[in-house]
Amino acid sequence: MMKKKQYKNKKLKTKAKKNQNKPLINKKMSFGEILNRHPELAETLMKKGMNCIGCGMAMFETLEQGAIMHGINPNKLVEELNKKIKKR
């Protein structure tokens, strides 16, 4: 029989493993949500030509919508942004 503490530790380790596989950013997130969580990504988005992130309406636009409007592959952009976050 597993002790209560051992069971709790095993449960926490399982949750941690699941969270490691989740992307930190996804293409359905709004620019507002992304920049609130990771303001350091503003520079990267600006370098990609997404200068409209300062616009009030862009805060409600998804990363996917903005990327498509600027001719950027949203999946590659998400991958690049998540790599930058993981390097920190």
C-alpha atoms as a PDB file:
ATOM      1  CA  MET A   1       0.000   0.000   0.000  1.00  0.00           C
ATOM      2  CA  MET A   2       1.366   3.391  -1.024  1.00  0.00           C
ATOM      3  CA  LYS A   3       1.747   5.949   1.714  1.00  0.00           C
ATOM      4  CA  LYS A   4      -0.185   9.201   1.406  1.00  0.00           C
ATOM      5  CA  LYS A   5       2.958  11.341   0.986  1.00  0.00           C
ATOM      6  CA  GLN A   6       4.390   9.082  -1.717  1.00  0.00           C
ATOM      7  CA  TYR A   7       1.088   9.175  -3.607  1.00  0.00           C
ATOM      8  CA  LYS A   8       0.956  12.964  -3.403  1.00  0.00           C
ATOM      9  CA  ASN A   9       4.540  13.315  -4.711  1.00  0.00           C
ATOM     10  CA  LYS A  10       3.828  10.916  -7.571  1.00  0.00           C
ATOM     11  CA  LYS A  11       0.706  12.913  -8.483  1.00  0.00           C
ATOM     12  CA  LEU A  12       2.649  16.203  -8.493  1.00  0.00           C
ATOM     13  CA  LYS A  13       5.395  14.738 -10.695  1.00  0.00           C
ATOM     14  CA  THR A  14       2.787  13.537 -13.194  1.00  0.00           C
ATOM     15  CA  LYS A  15       1.239  17.027 -13.390  1.00  0.00           C
ATOM     16  CA  ALA A  16       4.662  18.603 -13.893  1.00  0.00           C
ATOM     17  CA  LYS A  17       5.410  16.260 -16.804  1.00  0.00           C
ATOM     18  CA  LYS A  18       2.110  17.110 -18.480  1.00  0.00           C
ATOM     19  CA  ASN A  19       2.790  20.840 -18.183  1.00  0.00           C
ATOM     20  CA  GLN A  20       6.243  20.492 -19.751  1.00  0.00           C
ATOM     21  CA  ASN A  21       4.667  19.319 -22.990  1.00  0.00           C
ATOM     22  CA  LYS A  22       2.181  22.184 -23.193  1.00  0.00           C
ATOM     23  CA  PRO A  23       3.253  25.096 -25.372  1.00  0.00           C
ATOM     24  CA  LEU A  24       3.591  28.327 -23.461  1.00  0.00           C
ATOM     25  CA  ILE A  25       1.944  30.277 -26.262  1.00  0.00           C
ATOM     26  CA  ASN A  26      -0.578  29.113 -28.816  1.00  0.00           C
ATOM     27  CA  LYS A  27      -1.970  30.759 -31.924  1.00  0.00           C
ATOM     28  CA  LYS A  28      -5.436  31.227 -30.415  1.00  0.00           C
ATOM     29  CA  MET A  29      -4.112  33.560 -27.689  1.00  0.00           C
ATOM     30  CA  SER A  30      -4.676  37.284 -28.085  1.00  0.00           C
ATOM     31  CA  PHE A  31      -1.772  39.692 -28.366  1.00  0.00           C
ATOM     32  CA  GLY A  32      -2.938  41.209 -25.089  1.00  0.00           C
ATOM     33  CA  GLU A  33      -2.729  37.880 -23.305  1.00  0.00           C
ATOM     34  CA  ILE A  34       0.683  37.092 -24.779  1.00  0.00           C
ATOM     35  CA  LEU A  35       2.154  40.485 -23.937  1.00  0.00           C
ATOM     36  CA  ASN A  36       0.715  40.443 -20.416  1.00  0.00           C
ATOM     37  CA  ARG A  37       2.405  37.103 -19.756  1.00  0.00           C
ATOM     38  CA  HIS A  38       5.603  37.759 -21.717  1.00  0.00           C
ATOM     39  CA  PRO A  39       6.227  41.478 -22.383  1.00  0.00           C
ATOM     40  CA  GLU A  40       9.741  40.663 -23.583  1.00  0.00           C
ATOM     41  CA  LEU A  41       8.204  39.174 -26.759  1.00  0.00           C
ATOM     42  CA  ALA A  42       7.067  42.609 -27.968  1.00  0.00           C
ATOM     43  CA  GLU A  43      10.501  43.205 -29.491  1.00  0.00           C
ATOM     44  CA  THR A  44      10.385  39.920 -31.417  1.00  0.00           C
ATOM     45  CA  LEU A  45       6.903  40.664 -32.744  1.00  0.00           C
ATOM     46  CA  MET A  46       7.973  44.167 -33.793  1.00  0.00           C
ATOM     47  CA  LYS A  47      10.986  42.745 -35.659  1.00  0.00           C
ATOM     48  CA  LYS A  48       8.569  40.510 -37.563  1.00  0.00           C
ATOM     49  CA  GLY A  49       6.765  43.628 -38.795  1.00  0.00           C
ATOM     50  CA  MET A  50       3.886  43.344 -36.382  1.00  0.00           C
ATOM     51  CA  ASN A  51       4.077  46.976 -35.321  1.00  0.00           C
ATOM     52  CA  CYS A  52       0.341  47.091 -34.767  1.00  0.00           C
ATOM     53  CA  ILE A  53       0.637  45.308 -31.407  1.00  0.00           C
ATOM     54  CA  GLY A  54       0.367  48.707 -29.759  1.00  0.00           C
ATOM     55  CA  CYS A  55      -3.039  49.267 -31.362  1.00  0.00           C
ATOM     56  CA  GLY A  56      -6.017  48.964 -29.005  1.00  0.00           C
ATOM     57  CA  MET A  57      -7.819  46.466 -31.220  1.00  0.00           C
ATOM     58  CA  ALA A  58      -4.743  44.261 -31.556  1.00  0.00           C
ATOM     59  CA  MET A  59      -5.147  43.369 -27.889  1.00  0.00           C
ATOM     60  CA  PHE A  60      -8.230  41.358 -28.879  1.00  0.00           C
ATOM     61  CA  GLU A  61      -6.795  39.923 -32.092  1.00  0.00           C
ATOM     62  CA  THR A  62      -5.328  36.428 -31.938  1.00  0.00           C
ATOM     63  CA  LEU A  63      -1.726  35.695 -32.797  1.00  0.00           C
ATOM     64  CA  GLU A  64      -2.959  33.601 -35.701  1.00  0.00           C
ATOM     65  CA  GLN A  65      -5.052  36.448 -37.142  1.00  0.00           C
ATOM     66  CA  GLY A  66      -2.195  38.933 -36.854  1.00  0.00           C
ATOM     67  CA  ALA A  67       0.332  36.543 -38.369  1.00  0.00           C
ATOM     68  CA  ILE A  68      -1.892  35.787 -41.353  1.00  0.00           C
ATOM     69  CA  MET A  69      -2.539  39.508 -41.930  1.00  0.00           C
ATOM     70  CA  HIS A  70       1.239  40.058 -42.054  1.00  0.00           C
ATOM     71  CA  GLY A  71       1.979  37.048 -44.267  1.00  0.00           C
ATOM     72  CA  ILE A  72       3.650  35.062 -41.475  1.00  0.00           C
ATOM     73  CA  ASN A  73       3.116  31.360 -40.877  1.00  0.00           C
ATOM     74  CA  PRO A  74       1.344  31.293 -37.474  1.00  0.00           C
ATOM     75  CA  ASN A  75       2.649  27.838 -36.548  1.00  0.00           C
ATOM     76  CA  LYS A  76       6.269  28.844 -37.139  1.00  0.00           C
ATOM     77  CA  LEU A  77       5.735  32.077 -35.205  1.00  0.00           C
ATOM     78  CA  VAL A  78       4.321  30.185 -32.221  1.00  0.00           C
ATOM     79  CA  GLU A  79       7.290  27.808 -32.335  1.00  0.00           C
ATOM     80  CA  GLU A  80       9.759  30.706 -32.436  1.00  0.00           C
ATOM     81  CA  LEU A  81       8.096  32.578 -29.574  1.00  0.00           C
ATOM     82  CA  ASN A  82       7.976  29.472 -27.374  1.00  0.00           C
ATOM     83  CA  LYS A  83      11.689  28.830 -28.031  1.00  0.00           C
ATOM     84  CA  LYS A  84      12.486  32.377 -26.893  1.00  0.00           C
ATOM     85  CA  ILE A  85      10.527  31.890 -23.676  1.00  0.00           C
ATOM     86  CA  LYS A  86      12.196  28.555 -22.918  1.00  0.00           C
ATOM     87  CA  LYS A  87      15.678  30.097 -23.333  1.00  0.00           C
ATOM     88  CA  ARG A  88      15.070  32.420 -20.413  1.00  0.00           C
END
